[in-house]
Amino acid sequence: MKKIIFLVLAAFSILLYTGCSGTPEPGKAAMKYMTYLQKGEYRKFAENVAVNPKNTAAQQEENIQLSEALLKEKVGETFAKKGGIKKLKLISESVAEDGQSAKVVINVTYGNGDVDDETVDLVLQDKKWKMKSLK
């Protein structure tokens, strides 16, 4: 009887460990990325866009720098007009059946009172949720 209890507990522990050590939730990742925008941390945001695995490190760095510059110019200007991001709220997240992509909807409230729902498309890359592309 003790052996059976031990085996059941061991099996339960393994299941619990593997269930909790998986990839992070896409909603949490998307919220983190939107928080980077909220804080004006455009480089961190750009570093979390999925990359072409065929790109060299130099090409990836160039893409990050270009994205950062574009974000500062376009997004920074838009946020300035709207009074910045006041509040972010996760609305929904859905993961594809294959577990390799996800869509997350985040409600964004701006300083001027405008409200938008933003959809963030994510892909699983190197066991981490990354944004599909900058739109």
C-alpha atoms as a PDB file:
ATOM      1  CA  MET A   1       0.000   0.000   0.000  1.00  0.00           C
ATOM      2  CA  LYS A   2       2.845   2.411   0.833  1.00  0.00           C
ATOM      3  CA  LYS A   3       4.422   1.704  -2.562  1.00  0.00           C
ATOM      4  CA  ILE A   4       1.165   2.552  -4.355  1.00  0.00           C
ATOM      5  CA  ILE A   5       0.801   5.819  -2.445  1.00  0.00           C
ATOM      6  CA  PHE A   6       4.442   6.653  -3.176  1.00  0.00           C
ATOM      7  CA  LEU A   7       3.995   5.935  -6.904  1.00  0.00           C
ATOM      8  CA  VAL A   8       0.811   8.012  -7.091  1.00  0.00           C
ATOM      9  CA  LEU A   9       2.497  10.923  -5.312  1.00  0.00           C
ATOM     10  CA  ALA A  10       5.574  10.626  -7.535  1.00  0.00           C
ATOM     11  CA  ALA A  11       3.429  10.612 -10.691  1.00  0.00           C
ATOM     12  CA  PHE A  12       1.431  13.581  -9.425  1.00  0.00           C
ATOM     13  CA  SER A  13       4.647  15.495  -8.638  1.00  0.00           C
ATOM     14  CA  ILE A  14       6.008  14.858 -12.128  1.00  0.00           C
ATOM     15  CA  LEU A  15       2.779  16.027 -13.743  1.00  0.00           C
ATOM     16  CA  LEU A  16       2.682  19.104 -11.550  1.00  0.00           C
ATOM     17  CA  TYR A  17       6.303  19.966 -12.332  1.00  0.00           C
ATOM     18  CA  THR A  18       5.946  19.537 -16.102  1.00  0.00           C
ATOM     19  CA  GLY A  19       2.660  21.411 -16.151  1.00  0.00           C
ATOM     20  CA  CYS A  20       4.154  24.411 -14.373  1.00  0.00           C
ATOM     21  CA  SER A  21       7.430  24.539 -16.250  1.00  0.00           C
ATOM     22  CA  GLY A  22       5.988  25.090 -19.730  1.00  0.00           C
ATOM     23  CA  THR A  23       6.101  28.218 -21.808  1.00  0.00           C
ATOM     24  CA  PRO A  24       4.772  31.442 -20.348  1.00  0.00           C
ATOM     25  CA  GLU A  25       1.260  32.524 -21.167  1.00  0.00           C
ATOM     26  CA  PRO A  26       0.955  34.638 -24.321  1.00  0.00           C
ATOM     27  CA  GLY A  27      -1.224  37.204 -22.537  1.00  0.00           C
ATOM     28  CA  LYS A  28       1.482  37.905 -19.973  1.00  0.00           C
ATOM     29  CA  ALA A  29       4.085  38.263 -22.721  1.00  0.00           C
ATOM     30  CA  ALA A  30       1.900  40.655 -24.750  1.00  0.00           C
ATOM     31  CA  MET A  31       1.152  42.754 -21.661  1.00  0.00           C
ATOM     32  CA  LYS A  32       4.882  42.978 -20.927  1.00  0.00           C
ATOM     33  CA  TYR A  33       5.574  44.129 -24.488  1.00  0.00           C
ATOM     34  CA  MET A  34       2.816  46.747 -24.352  1.00  0.00           C
ATOM     35  CA  THR A  35       4.250  47.963 -21.041  1.00  0.00           C
ATOM     36  CA  TYR A  36       7.554  48.525 -22.855  1.00  0.00           C
ATOM     37  CA  LEU A  37       5.694  50.833 -25.249  1.00  0.00           C
ATOM     38  CA  GLN A  38       3.956  52.550 -22.353  1.00  0.00           C
ATOM     39  CA  LYS A  39       7.338  53.303 -20.752  1.00  0.00           C
ATOM     40  CA  GLY A  40       8.975  54.348 -24.034  1.00  0.00           C
ATOM     41  CA  GLU A  41      11.332  51.353 -23.927  1.00  0.00           C
ATOM     42  CA  TYR A  42      11.242  50.899 -27.688  1.00  0.00           C
ATOM     43  CA  ARG A  43      14.414  48.830 -27.918  1.00  0.00           C
ATOM     44  CA  LYS A  44      13.065  46.230 -25.472  1.00  0.00           C
ATOM     45  CA  PHE A  45       9.860  46.134 -27.486  1.00  0.00           C
ATOM     46  CA  ALA A  46      11.793  45.673 -30.758  1.00  0.00           C
ATOM     47  CA  GLU A  47      13.941  42.921 -29.222  1.00  0.00           C
ATOM     48  CA  ASN A  48      10.792  40.863 -28.707  1.00  0.00           C
ATOM     49  CA  VAL A  49       9.721  40.724 -32.337  1.00  0.00           C
ATOM     50  CA  ALA A  50      10.188  37.261 -33.849  1.00  0.00           C
ATOM     51  CA  VAL A  51      13.286  37.066 -36.030  1.00  0.00           C
ATOM     52  CA  ASN A  52      14.127  35.102 -39.106  1.00  0.00           C
ATOM     53  CA  PRO A  53      16.407  32.329 -37.828  1.00  0.00           C
ATOM     54  CA  LYS A  54      18.433  32.632 -41.043  1.00  0.00           C
ATOM     55  CA  ASN A  55      19.466  36.209 -40.178  1.00  0.00           C
ATOM     56  CA  THR A  56      22.940  36.784 -38.842  1.00  0.00           C
ATOM     57  CA  ALA A  57      23.433  38.507 -35.502  1.00  0.00           C
ATOM     58  CA  ALA A  58      24.407  41.682 -37.375  1.00  0.00           C
ATOM     59  CA  GLN A  59      21.194  41.562 -39.439  1.00  0.00           C
ATOM     60  CA  GLN A  60      19.117  41.012 -36.318  1.00  0.00           C
ATOM     61  CA  GLU A  61      20.764  43.962 -34.585  1.00  0.00           C
ATOM     62  CA  GLU A  62      20.169  46.151 -37.642  1.00  0.00           C
ATOM     63  CA  ASN A  63      16.486  45.161 -37.659  1.00  0.00           C
ATOM     64  CA  ILE A  64      16.192  45.982 -33.962  1.00  0.00           C
ATOM     65  CA  GLN A  65      17.801  49.396 -34.470  1.00  0.00           C
ATOM     66  CA  LEU A  66      15.555  50.209 -37.442  1.00  0.00           C
ATOM     67  CA  SER A  67      12.459  49.107 -35.547  1.00  0.00           C
ATOM     68  CA  GLU A  68      13.478  51.128 -32.504  1.00  0.00           C
ATOM     69  CA  ALA A  69      13.958  54.272 -34.607  1.00  0.00           C
ATOM     70  CA  LEU A  70      10.614  53.787 -36.351  1.00  0.00           C
ATOM     71  CA  LEU A  71       8.839  53.207 -33.033  1.00  0.00           C
ATOM     72  CA  LYS A  72      10.364  56.326 -31.477  1.00  0.00           C
ATOM     73  CA  GLU A  73       9.269  58.418 -34.427  1.00  0.00           C
ATOM     74  CA  LYS A  74       5.783  57.060 -35.177  1.00  0.00           C
ATOM     75  CA  VAL A  75       4.564  55.551 -31.916  1.00  0.00           C
ATOM     76  CA  GLY A  76       6.169  58.208 -29.756  1.00  0.00           C
ATOM     77  CA  GLU A  77       4.447  60.913 -31.794  1.00  0.00           C
ATOM     78  CA  THR A  78       1.067  59.168 -31.589  1.00  0.00           C
ATOM     79  CA  PHE A  79       1.382  58.601 -27.844  1.00  0.00           C
ATOM     80  CA  ALA A  80       2.377  62.232 -27.298  1.00  0.00           C
ATOM     81  CA  LYS A  81      -0.794  63.381 -29.107  1.00  0.00           C
ATOM     82  CA  LYS A  82      -2.926  61.023 -27.015  1.00  0.00           C
ATOM     83  CA  GLY A  83      -1.286  61.827 -23.690  1.00  0.00           C
ATOM     84  CA  GLY A  84       0.591  58.531 -23.426  1.00  0.00           C
ATOM     85  CA  ILE A  85      -0.799  55.194 -22.301  1.00  0.00           C
ATOM     86  CA  LYS A  86      -2.682  55.493 -19.035  1.00  0.00           C
ATOM     87  CA  LYS A  87      -3.884  51.911 -18.596  1.00  0.00           C
ATOM     88  CA  LEU A  88      -3.542  48.450 -20.162  1.00  0.00           C
ATOM     89  CA  LYS A  89      -6.028  45.627 -19.637  1.00  0.00           C
ATOM     90  CA  LEU A  90      -5.829  42.081 -20.981  1.00  0.00           C
ATOM     91  CA  ILE A  91      -9.116  41.293 -22.735  1.00  0.00           C
ATOM     92  CA  SER A  92      -8.497  37.869 -24.262  1.00  0.00           C
ATOM     93  CA  GLU A  93      -5.888  35.386 -25.401  1.00  0.00           C
ATOM     94  CA  SER A  94      -6.262  32.441 -27.716  1.00  0.00           C
ATOM     95  CA  VAL A  95      -3.603  29.914 -28.612  1.00  0.00           C
ATOM     96  CA  ALA A  96      -3.716  28.018 -31.902  1.00  0.00           C
ATOM     97  CA  GLU A  97      -4.310  24.266 -31.749  1.00  0.00           C
ATOM     98  CA  ASP A  98      -0.685  23.542 -32.590  1.00  0.00           C
ATOM     99  CA  GLY A  99       0.447  25.770 -29.701  1.00  0.00           C
ATOM    100  CA  GLN A 100       2.819  27.713 -31.952  1.00  0.00           C
ATOM    101  CA  SER A 101       0.894  30.973 -32.333  1.00  0.00           C
ATOM    102  CA  ALA A 102      -1.507  33.105 -30.342  1.00  0.00           C
ATOM    103  CA  LYS A 103      -3.673  36.204 -30.559  1.00  0.00           C
ATOM    104  CA  VAL A 104      -3.976  38.520 -27.583  1.00  0.00           C
ATOM    105  CA  VAL A 105      -6.354  41.462 -27.316  1.00  0.00           C
ATOM    106  CA  ILE A 106      -5.361  44.300 -24.989  1.00  0.00           C
ATOM    107  CA  ASN A 107      -7.533  47.283 -24.119  1.00  0.00           C
ATOM    108  CA  VAL A 108      -5.454  50.472 -24.182  1.00  0.00           C
ATOM    109  CA  THR A 109      -6.646  53.624 -22.413  1.00  0.00           C
ATOM    110  CA  TYR A 110      -4.753  56.780 -23.373  1.00  0.00           C
ATOM    111  CA  GLY A 111      -4.161  59.869 -21.266  1.00  0.00           C
ATOM    112  CA  ASN A 112      -6.656  61.878 -23.314  1.00  0.00           C
ATOM    113  CA  GLY A 113      -9.417  59.325 -22.637  1.00  0.00           C
ATOM    114  CA  ASP A 114      -9.303  57.533 -26.012  1.00  0.00           C
ATOM    115  CA  VAL A 115      -9.685  53.760 -25.770  1.00  0.00           C
ATOM    116  CA  ASP A 116      -8.550  51.163 -28.330  1.00  0.00           C
ATOM    117  CA  ASP A 117      -8.428  47.382 -28.428  1.00  0.00           C
ATOM    118  CA  GLU A 118      -5.086  46.260 -29.839  1.00  0.00           C
ATOM    119  CA  THR A 119      -4.544  42.746 -31.183  1.00  0.00           C
ATOM    120  CA  VAL A 120      -1.060  41.345 -30.669  1.00  0.00           C
ATOM    121  CA  ASP A 121      -0.133  38.359 -32.847  1.00  0.00           C
ATOM    122  CA  LEU A 122       2.475  36.129 -31.227  1.00  0.00           C
ATOM    123  CA  VAL A 123       4.539  33.130 -32.285  1.00  0.00           C
ATOM    124  CA  LEU A 124       6.444  30.708 -30.123  1.00  0.00           C
ATOM    125  CA  GLN A 125      10.148  31.054 -30.876  1.00  0.00           C
ATOM    126  CA  ASP A 126      12.844  29.403 -28.760  1.00  0.00           C
ATOM    127  CA  LYS A 127      10.216  28.582 -26.090  1.00  0.00           C
ATOM    128  CA  LYS A 128       9.318  32.269 -25.742  1.00  0.00           C
ATOM    129  CA  TRP A 129       6.311  34.187 -27.059  1.00  0.00           C
ATOM    130  CA  LYS A 130       7.466  36.809 -29.562  1.00  0.00           C
ATOM    131  CA  MET A 131       5.457  39.312 -31.560  1.00  0.00           C
ATOM    132  CA  LYS A 132       4.837  38.206 -35.115  1.00  0.00           C
ATOM    133  CA  SER A 133       5.703  41.525 -36.754  1.00  0.00           C
ATOM    134  CA  LEU A 134       5.425  45.245 -36.339  1.00  0.00           C
ATOM    135  CA  LYS A 135       2.340  46.636 -38.068  1.00  0.00           C
END
